[in-house]
Amino acid sequence: MYENSKRLFERAGKYIPGGVNSPVRAFKSVGGTPIFMKKAKGAYLFDVDDNRYIDYIASWGPMILGHAYDPIIKAIQEKAIESTSFGAPTELEIDMAELIIGMVPNVDLIRMVSSGTEACMSSLRLARGFTQKNKFIKFEGCYHGHADSFLVKAGSGLATFDIQSVPGVTSGVAADTLTCAYNDLHAVENLVSHHKNKIAAIIVEPVPGNMGCILPKAGYLEGLRKICDEEKIVLIFDEVMTGFRLAAGGVQEKYNIQADLVCYGKVIGGGLPVGAFGGKQKIMEHISPLGNVYQAGTLSGNPIAMIAGYTLLKELKDNPLIYSELEKKTIYLKNGLERVFSDWGNPFVINQSGSMLSVHFSDGPVTDFASATAANNEFYKKYFHGMLKQGVYLPPSAFESWFLNNALTYADLDATIEFTRKTLET
């Protein structure tokens, strides 16, 4: 069934560390051989052995309208004829900035970069430069990319491999990284009190997707906003996953909470390598060339990524009903899975926000990293492989969110629910 994937994985191991270019793809968390994909269309992935899968990762979020969406593919093809990179400004970068600022509340200026990691890294540097303070707070289980500062208790990638400390991250960098549990406002208050006037920023996935999908408790995000206002701390929302997915204006719109800086990732490139960070003018004007906080990138604002992202975001802006359609499908899937798991009779929890959800085999609520790791993640491995054999591609880690795309039909959702029933019966 996976013979060509096995052959390619063996070949890849000779030239690529671990045979993959991003660790979660190695299937270490679930076991077995990673599946090598050949193509995708709409809601479906096709591997090198010609197996078809209903896709629930959507390239980890950006394929909101499905794979190989015709208008995006056409726009990329037309733009590529003009060149794939200039290393100079283009009008398209302005169009993209105007579109994002028009869709997102509370963003005055925005800077394009080449990845979500780069966006988060640059926003933290900017917050430090703006406040003239060095320490920052992040939350256990939240992942903000692989920059040194963020690899302390960093969620899905490290949890998948049971990495508790990362060689190459110096003690000095780690000392400036303060961590506490997500959804624990009292812990944040204690950290801020203990490090009075030393904290530049609080960075958070406002709806985390790197310990499964975790929902903020009532008042939690509001509490972070209040602390930051009182202590002159920059509040950074990492919306690499949630931006333009949970709503056109992301979590800021959905929960009516304003951050000082916001980070975006691959969704604004329609799946191409891209990122951005933006926010209040009084902070953003400290970025060079306006200010002295340096950030640069040859491929920032790359025309191919910009046209793909512009085409996707314009579609989302012009057709806001996409969000309600997609959330309706996600709730339909959640309700169907809950019926099946209830009949099964063992503990489970399904968390869902918008078009993100996650399944945890837990006998209690999953509200933070500790409760996510306490779930029966060994059973998730069996569930993953049972679904894979029936043609459903789930995240290959219990610590990752599912992402639905609007190309999914109700027939796909019904099939997924029925395949879950069959998997549990075996």
Protein backbone atom coordinates (compact mmCIF):
# COMPACT_ATOMS: atom_id res chain seq x y z
CA MET A 1 0.00 0.00 0.00
CA TYR A 2 2.90 2.36 0.76
CA GLU A 3 5.76 0.71 -1.12
CA ASN A 4 6.85 3.79 -3.07
CA SER A 5 6.72 5.94 0.07
CA LYS A 6 8.93 3.42 1.88
CA ARG A 7 11.40 3.43 -1.00
CA LEU A 8 11.53 7.23 -1.11
CA PHE A 9 11.96 7.47 2.67
CA GLU A 10 14.92 5.11 2.54
CA ARG A 11 16.43 7.18 -0.26
CA ALA A 12 15.75 10.46 1.56
CA GLY A 13 17.54 9.19 4.67
CA LYS A 14 20.79 9.12 2.72
CA TYR A 15 20.71 12.83 1.94
CA ILE A 16 18.30 14.62 4.33
CA PRO A 17 18.58 14.49 8.16
CA GLY A 18 15.95 12.00 9.29
CA GLY A 19 14.69 11.80 5.72
CA VAL A 20 12.46 14.90 6.10
CA ASN A 21 12.79 18.67 5.96
CA SER A 22 10.47 19.33 8.92
CA PRO A 23 10.43 16.95 11.92
CA VAL A 24 6.68 16.27 12.28
CA ARG A 25 6.69 14.76 8.78
CA ALA A 26 8.86 11.89 10.02
CA PHE A 27 5.87 10.16 11.70
CA LYS A 28 7.98 9.68 14.85
CA SER A 29 4.97 10.48 17.03
CA VAL A 30 2.68 7.93 15.37
CA GLY A 31 5.19 5.41 14.02
CA GLY A 32 5.44 3.95 10.56
CA THR A 33 6.73 5.37 7.29
CA PRO A 34 5.89 8.94 6.29
CA ILE A 35 3.62 9.23 3.28
CA PHE A 36 5.16 11.00 0.28
CA MET A 37 2.61 13.08 -1.58
CA LYS A 38 2.48 13.53 -5.35
CA LYS A 39 -0.40 15.95 -5.88
CA ALA A 40 -3.53 17.38 -4.32
CA LYS A 41 -6.81 18.81 -5.53
CA GLY A 42 -9.67 20.25 -3.54
CA ALA A 43 -10.12 18.26 -0.33
CA TYR A 44 -7.92 15.35 -1.39
CA LEU A 45 -4.27 14.33 -1.25
CA PHE A 46 -2.76 11.73 -3.58
CA ASP A 47 0.43 9.91 -2.61
CA VAL A 48 3.16 8.34 -4.73
CA ASP A 49 1.39 4.97 -4.46
CA ASP A 50 -1.80 6.53 -5.91
CA ASN A 51 -3.71 6.32 -2.63
CA ARG A 52 -6.27 9.09 -2.11
CA TYR A 53 -6.84 10.73 1.26
CA ILE A 54 -9.43 13.13 2.65
CA ASP A 55 -7.17 15.88 3.95
CA TYR A 56 -7.54 17.37 7.45
CA ILE A 57 -4.30 19.32 7.72
CA ALA A 58 -4.65 21.66 4.70
CA SER A 59 -0.86 22.15 4.63
CA TRP A 60 -1.16 23.07 8.34
CA GLY A 61 -3.79 25.71 7.70
CA PRO A 62 -3.42 27.82 4.56
CA MET A 63 -5.47 25.74 2.11
CA ILE A 64 -8.74 27.22 3.35
CA LEU A 65 -10.42 26.88 -0.05
CA GLY A 66 -8.82 23.53 -0.87
CA HIS A 67 -5.74 22.44 -2.76
CA ALA A 68 -4.83 23.73 -6.22
CA TYR A 69 -7.64 26.27 -6.12
CA ASP A 70 -8.04 27.27 -9.76
CA PRO A 71 -7.92 31.11 -9.41
CA ILE A 72 -4.77 30.89 -7.28
CA ILE A 73 -3.03 28.51 -9.69
CA LYS A 74 -3.92 30.74 -12.64
CA ALA A 75 -2.65 33.86 -10.84
CA ILE A 76 0.66 32.16 -9.98
CA GLN A 77 1.17 31.01 -13.56
CA GLU A 78 0.51 34.47 -14.98
CA LYS A 79 2.79 36.20 -12.46
CA ALA A 80 5.66 33.70 -12.87
CA ILE A 81 6.03 34.70 -16.53
CA GLU A 82 7.08 38.17 -15.36
CA SER A 83 9.81 36.74 -13.05
CA THR A 84 9.89 34.80 -9.80
CA SER A 85 11.83 37.46 -7.86
CA PHE A 86 13.09 41.00 -8.32
CA GLY A 87 14.86 41.98 -5.10
CA ALA A 88 13.18 45.36 -5.60
CA PRO A 89 9.80 46.85 -4.64
CA THR A 90 6.63 46.01 -6.58
CA GLU A 91 3.15 47.52 -6.58
CA LEU A 92 1.76 44.12 -5.61
CA GLU A 93 3.37 44.43 -2.18
CA ILE A 94 1.37 47.62 -1.60
CA ASP A 95 -1.83 45.95 -2.82
CA MET A 96 -1.23 43.09 -0.39
CA ALA A 97 -0.52 45.42 2.55
CA GLU A 98 -3.65 47.46 1.80
CA LEU A 99 -5.77 44.31 1.60
CA ILE A 100 -4.51 42.89 4.90
CA ILE A 101 -4.87 46.19 6.76
CA GLY A 102 -8.38 46.55 5.32
CA MET A 103 -9.37 43.11 6.64
CA VAL A 104 -7.66 43.09 10.03
CA PRO A 105 -8.56 45.41 12.91
CA ASN A 106 -5.83 47.35 14.69
CA VAL A 107 -3.02 46.99 12.12
CA ASP A 108 -1.60 50.29 10.87
CA LEU A 109 1.60 49.09 9.20
CA ILE A 110 2.74 45.65 8.07
CA ARG A 111 6.09 44.16 7.02
CA MET A 112 6.29 41.09 4.75
CA VAL A 113 8.79 38.34 5.57
CA SER A 114 9.34 34.78 4.36
CA SER A 115 7.94 32.57 7.13
CA GLY A 116 5.92 32.51 10.33
CA THR A 117 9.11 31.86 12.29
CA GLU A 118 10.65 35.01 10.85
CA ALA A 119 7.50 37.00 11.62
CA CYS A 120 7.50 35.96 15.28
CA MET A 121 11.25 36.41 15.66
CA SER A 122 11.10 39.90 14.15
CA SER A 123 8.08 40.97 16.22
CA LEU A 124 9.86 40.00 19.42
CA ARG A 125 12.98 41.92 18.39
CA LEU A 126 10.79 44.91 17.61
CA ALA A 127 9.05 44.70 20.99
CA ARG A 128 12.40 44.64 22.73
CA GLY A 129 13.65 47.58 20.72
CA PHE A 130 10.48 49.54 21.36
CA THR A 131 10.35 48.92 25.13
CA GLN A 132 14.11 48.76 25.78
CA LYS A 133 13.47 45.63 27.85
CA ASN A 134 14.75 42.09 27.22
CA LYS A 135 12.59 39.43 28.85
CA PHE A 136 9.37 38.05 27.40
CA ILE A 137 6.66 35.61 28.38
CA LYS A 138 5.55 32.66 26.28
CA PHE A 139 3.25 29.79 27.15
CA GLU A 140 4.00 26.10 27.55
CA GLY A 141 2.83 24.26 24.45
CA CYS A 142 2.66 27.35 22.24
CA TYR A 143 4.98 27.17 19.24
CA HIS A 144 6.24 30.33 17.56
CA GLY A 145 8.78 28.85 15.17
CA HIS A 146 12.29 27.60 15.71
CA ALA A 147 14.13 30.83 16.61
CA ASP A 148 16.28 30.26 19.71
CA SER A 149 14.14 32.36 22.05
CA PHE A 150 11.02 30.34 21.30
CA LEU A 151 12.37 26.82 21.77
CA VAL A 152 11.64 26.71 25.48
CA LYS A 153 8.62 24.49 26.27
CA ALA A 154 7.56 24.98 22.69
CA GLY A 155 4.66 22.67 21.96
CA SER A 156 3.94 20.26 19.15
CA GLY A 157 7.26 19.86 17.39
CA LEU A 158 9.28 19.35 20.55
CA ALA A 159 6.52 17.42 22.32
CA THR A 160 6.34 15.01 19.40
CA PHE A 161 9.99 14.13 19.93
CA ASP A 162 9.93 14.49 23.74
CA ILE A 163 12.61 17.19 23.62
CA GLN A 164 12.70 19.12 26.88
CA SER A 165 15.81 21.21 26.25
CA VAL A 166 17.32 22.11 22.91
CA PRO A 167 21.09 21.96 22.29
CA GLY A 168 22.28 25.16 20.65
CA VAL A 169 20.03 27.44 22.71
CA THR A 170 22.29 29.30 25.14
CA SER A 171 21.52 29.71 28.81
CA GLY A 172 21.46 33.48 28.35
CA VAL A 173 18.72 33.25 25.73
CA ALA A 174 16.77 30.78 27.84
CA ALA A 175 17.05 33.05 30.89
CA ASP A 176 15.19 35.81 29.05
CA THR A 177 12.38 33.42 28.13
CA LEU A 178 9.77 33.22 30.87
CA THR A 179 7.15 30.49 30.60
CA CYS A 180 3.91 29.57 32.28
CA ALA A 181 0.84 27.48 31.55
CA TYR A 182 -1.65 28.70 28.95
CA ASN A 183 -5.03 29.74 30.39
CA ASP A 184 -3.47 30.50 33.81
CA LEU A 185 -3.79 34.27 34.23
CA HIS A 186 -2.60 34.17 37.84
CA ALA A 187 0.72 32.64 36.72
CA VAL A 188 1.21 35.52 34.27
CA GLU A 189 0.51 38.05 37.01
CA ASN A 190 3.12 36.37 39.23
CA LEU A 191 5.76 36.44 36.49
CA VAL A 192 5.12 40.08 35.73
CA SER A 193 5.30 40.96 39.43
CA HIS A 194 8.53 39.01 39.92
CA HIS A 195 10.19 40.61 36.86
CA LYS A 196 8.85 44.13 37.32
CA ASN A 197 9.74 46.50 34.44
CA LYS A 198 11.88 43.86 32.72
CA ILE A 199 9.33 42.24 30.39
CA ALA A 200 9.18 43.54 26.83
CA ALA A 201 6.44 41.32 25.44
CA ILE A 202 3.91 38.58 25.98
CA ILE A 203 3.61 36.38 22.87
CA VAL A 204 0.75 33.93 22.60
CA GLU A 205 -1.13 31.78 20.17
CA PRO A 206 -4.50 33.25 21.17
CA VAL A 207 -6.16 29.99 20.10
CA PRO A 208 -3.26 27.51 20.26
CA GLY A 209 -2.93 24.85 17.59
CA ASN A 210 0.33 23.26 18.70
CA MET A 211 -0.96 21.17 21.59
CA GLY A 212 -4.07 20.33 19.68
CA CYS A 213 -6.69 23.04 19.36
CA ILE A 214 -7.02 24.75 22.76
CA LEU A 215 -9.67 27.37 23.52
CA PRO A 216 -8.96 30.40 25.70
CA LYS A 217 -10.98 30.45 28.92
CA ALA A 218 -13.50 33.25 29.33
CA GLY A 219 -11.66 36.43 30.25
CA TYR A 220 -8.17 35.03 29.61
CA LEU A 221 -7.25 37.06 26.54
CA GLU A 222 -8.89 40.13 28.06
CA GLY A 223 -6.75 39.55 31.15
CA LEU A 224 -3.56 39.46 29.10
CA ARG A 225 -4.57 42.70 27.40
CA LYS A 226 -5.18 44.37 30.78
CA ILE A 227 -1.82 43.24 32.19
CA CYS A 228 0.02 44.52 29.13
CA ASP A 229 -1.74 47.89 29.31
CA GLU A 230 -0.94 48.32 33.00
CA GLU A 231 2.70 47.20 32.75
CA LYS A 232 3.58 48.74 29.36
CA ILE A 233 4.22 45.32 27.84
CA VAL A 234 3.75 44.63 24.11
CA LEU A 235 1.06 42.00 23.49
CA ILE A 236 1.91 39.87 20.44
CA PHE A 237 -0.67 37.57 18.88
CA ASP A 238 0.88 34.74 16.88
CA GLU A 239 -1.88 34.24 14.31
CA VAL A 240 0.17 32.10 11.94
CA MET A 241 -2.55 29.44 12.29
CA THR A 242 -5.61 31.47 13.22
CA GLY A 243 -5.15 34.55 11.05
CA PHE A 244 -7.70 34.71 8.19
CA ARG A 245 -8.90 31.23 9.25
CA LEU A 246 -11.07 31.75 12.32
CA ALA A 247 -12.36 35.00 10.82
CA ALA A 248 -11.29 37.50 8.18
CA GLY A 249 -9.74 39.55 11.01
CA GLY A 250 -8.49 36.49 12.88
CA VAL A 251 -8.72 36.19 16.66
CA GLN A 252 -8.71 39.97 17.08
CA GLU A 253 -12.04 40.04 15.25
CA LYS A 254 -13.50 36.77 16.55
CA TYR A 255 -12.82 37.53 20.24
CA ASN A 256 -12.80 41.33 19.98
CA ILE A 257 -9.33 41.62 21.55
CA GLN A 258 -6.72 44.01 20.18
CA ALA A 259 -3.06 42.99 20.17
CA ASP A 260 -0.16 45.42 19.74
CA LEU A 261 1.57 43.27 17.13
CA VAL A 262 0.22 40.36 15.07
CA CYS A 263 2.18 37.65 13.22
CA TYR A 264 1.01 35.81 10.10
CA GLY A 265 2.36 32.88 8.13
CA LYS A 266 1.72 30.70 5.12
CA VAL A 267 -2.00 31.53 4.82
CA ILE A 268 -1.14 34.96 3.38
CA GLY A 269 0.79 33.21 0.62
CA GLY A 270 -1.90 30.70 -0.27
CA GLY A 271 0.48 28.01 0.98
CA LEU A 272 3.68 29.47 -0.47
CA PRO A 273 6.55 30.34 1.91
CA VAL A 274 5.62 33.72 3.39
CA GLY A 275 4.92 35.56 6.62
CA ALA A 276 4.23 39.05 7.93
CA PHE A 277 4.07 41.03 11.13
CA GLY A 278 2.17 44.22 11.71
CA GLY A 279 0.53 46.39 14.30
CA LYS A 280 0.30 49.80 15.81
CA GLN A 281 2.13 52.58 14.00
CA LYS A 282 3.91 53.84 17.13
CA ILE A 283 5.59 50.42 17.42
CA MET A 284 6.03 49.53 13.74
CA GLU A 285 7.79 52.80 12.95
CA HIS A 286 10.74 51.54 15.00
CA ILE A 287 11.51 49.00 12.25
CA SER A 288 14.23 50.00 9.78
CA PRO A 289 14.38 52.02 7.59
CA LEU A 290 12.02 54.16 9.69
CA GLY A 291 13.73 53.17 12.94
CA ASN A 292 16.78 51.39 14.31
CA VAL A 293 15.39 47.87 14.82
CA TYR A 294 16.87 45.99 11.88
CA GLN A 295 15.00 43.44 9.80
CA ALA A 296 15.55 42.50 6.16
CA GLY A 297 15.03 39.73 3.63
CA THR A 298 15.80 39.35 -0.06
CA LEU A 299 12.63 37.36 -0.72
CA SER A 300 10.33 39.44 1.49
CA GLY A 301 7.31 40.39 -0.60
CA ASN A 302 8.17 37.78 -3.22
CA PRO A 303 5.81 38.36 -6.18
CA ILE A 304 4.72 34.73 -6.54
CA ALA A 305 3.85 34.44 -2.86
CA MET A 306 2.15 37.85 -2.93
CA ILE A 307 -0.12 37.09 -5.88
CA ALA A 308 -1.11 33.72 -4.40
CA GLY A 309 -1.90 35.25 -1.04
CA TYR A 310 -3.65 38.27 -2.53
CA THR A 311 -5.90 36.03 -4.61
CA LEU A 312 -6.82 33.89 -1.58
CA LEU A 313 -7.44 36.79 0.80
CA LYS A 314 -9.44 38.74 -1.79
CA GLU A 315 -11.71 35.71 -2.21
CA LEU A 316 -12.18 35.49 1.56
CA LYS A 317 -12.91 39.21 1.80
CA ASP A 318 -15.39 39.19 -1.07
CA ASN A 319 -17.17 36.05 0.13
CA PRO A 320 -17.42 36.26 3.95
CA LEU A 321 -19.98 33.45 4.01
CA ILE A 322 -17.05 31.07 3.48
CA TYR A 323 -16.32 31.36 7.20
CA SER A 324 -19.82 30.40 8.30
CA GLU A 325 -19.92 27.56 5.74
CA LEU A 326 -16.61 26.21 6.97
CA GLU A 327 -17.52 26.49 10.64
CA LYS A 328 -20.84 24.75 9.95
CA LYS A 329 -18.96 21.84 8.36
CA THR A 330 -16.55 21.69 11.28
CA ILE A 331 -19.35 21.57 13.83
CA TYR A 332 -21.08 18.88 11.74
CA LEU A 333 -17.89 16.78 11.83
CA LYS A 334 -17.42 17.41 15.55
CA ASN A 335 -20.98 16.35 16.36
CA GLY A 336 -20.66 13.21 14.24
CA LEU A 337 -17.36 12.23 15.84
CA GLU A 338 -18.79 12.85 19.30
CA ARG A 339 -21.67 10.43 18.58
CA VAL A 340 -19.24 7.74 17.43
CA PHE A 341 -16.83 8.20 20.33
CA SER A 342 -19.73 8.21 22.81
CA ASP A 343 -20.94 4.86 21.44
CA TRP A 344 -17.36 3.57 21.73
CA GLY A 345 -17.48 4.24 25.46
CA ASN A 346 -13.94 5.39 26.26
CA PRO A 347 -12.90 8.89 27.41
CA PHE A 348 -12.46 11.58 24.77
CA VAL A 349 -12.56 15.34 24.34
CA ILE A 350 -13.04 17.27 21.10
CA ASN A 351 -11.96 20.92 21.11
CA GLN A 352 -13.18 23.15 18.28
CA SER A 353 -12.95 26.78 17.28
CA GLY A 354 -14.08 27.87 13.82
CA SER A 355 -12.57 25.45 11.32
CA MET A 356 -9.96 24.08 13.74
CA LEU A 357 -10.52 21.07 15.97
CA SER A 358 -8.61 18.35 17.77
CA VAL A 359 -9.41 14.97 19.28
CA HIS A 360 -7.94 14.11 22.67
CA PHE A 361 -8.41 10.72 24.30
CA SER A 362 -8.71 12.26 27.75
CA ASP A 363 -11.08 11.83 30.68
CA GLY A 364 -11.00 15.53 31.52
CA PRO A 365 -10.94 18.93 29.77
CA VAL A 366 -7.87 19.74 27.67
CA THR A 367 -7.08 23.37 28.37
CA ASP A 368 -3.28 23.55 28.38
CA PHE A 369 -0.11 21.62 27.56
CA ALA A 370 -0.17 19.53 30.74
CA SER A 371 -3.69 18.24 30.10
CA ALA A 372 -2.85 17.63 26.42
CA THR A 373 0.16 15.49 27.31
CA ALA A 374 -1.83 13.63 29.99
CA ALA A 375 -4.24 12.29 27.36
CA ASN A 376 -3.95 8.75 25.97
CA ASN A 377 -1.70 9.72 23.09
CA GLU A 378 -0.68 6.11 22.54
CA PHE A 379 -4.22 5.42 21.38
CA TYR A 380 -4.03 8.39 19.03
CA LYS A 381 -1.32 6.50 17.13
CA LYS A 382 -3.72 3.58 16.54
CA TYR A 383 -6.50 5.97 15.54
CA PHE A 384 -4.22 7.80 13.11
CA HIS A 385 -3.11 4.65 11.32
CA GLY A 386 -6.60 3.17 11.29
CA MET A 387 -7.89 6.30 9.58
CA LEU A 388 -4.91 6.45 7.22
CA LYS A 389 -5.63 2.94 5.96
CA GLN A 390 -9.19 4.02 5.15
CA GLY A 391 -8.07 7.09 3.26
CA VAL A 392 -8.22 9.89 5.85
CA TYR A 393 -5.10 11.98 6.45
CA LEU A 394 -5.04 13.34 10.00
CA PRO A 395 -2.21 15.25 11.70
CA PRO A 396 0.61 12.75 12.40
CA SER A 397 0.82 13.92 16.01
CA ALA A 398 -1.67 14.17 18.86
CA PHE A 399 -0.29 17.65 19.53
CA GLU A 400 -1.46 19.21 16.27
CA SER A 401 -4.77 20.78 15.31
CA TRP A 402 -6.93 19.57 12.45
CA PHE A 403 -7.63 22.20 9.78
CA LEU A 404 -10.70 21.85 7.57
CA ASN A 405 -10.95 23.30 4.07
CA ASN A 406 -14.08 24.45 2.31
CA ALA A 407 -13.66 21.97 -0.55
CA LEU A 408 -14.71 19.23 1.89
CA THR A 409 -18.22 17.99 1.13
CA TYR A 410 -20.73 16.63 3.61
CA ALA A 411 -20.16 13.26 1.95
CA ASP A 412 -16.47 13.56 2.93
CA LEU A 413 -17.45 14.41 6.49
CA ASP A 414 -19.91 11.49 6.67
CA ALA A 415 -17.22 9.16 5.33
CA THR A 416 -14.78 10.41 7.98
CA ILE A 417 -17.33 9.80 10.72
CA GLU A 418 -18.08 6.29 9.42
CA PHE A 419 -14.37 5.49 9.02
CA THR A 420 -13.89 6.52 12.66
CA ARG A 421 -16.59 4.06 13.67
CA LYS A 422 -14.89 1.28 11.73
CA THR A 423 -11.48 2.14 13.17
CA LEU A 424 -12.78 2.00 16.73
CA GLU A 425 -14.50 -1.34 16.06
CA THR A 426 -11.15 -2.86 15.08
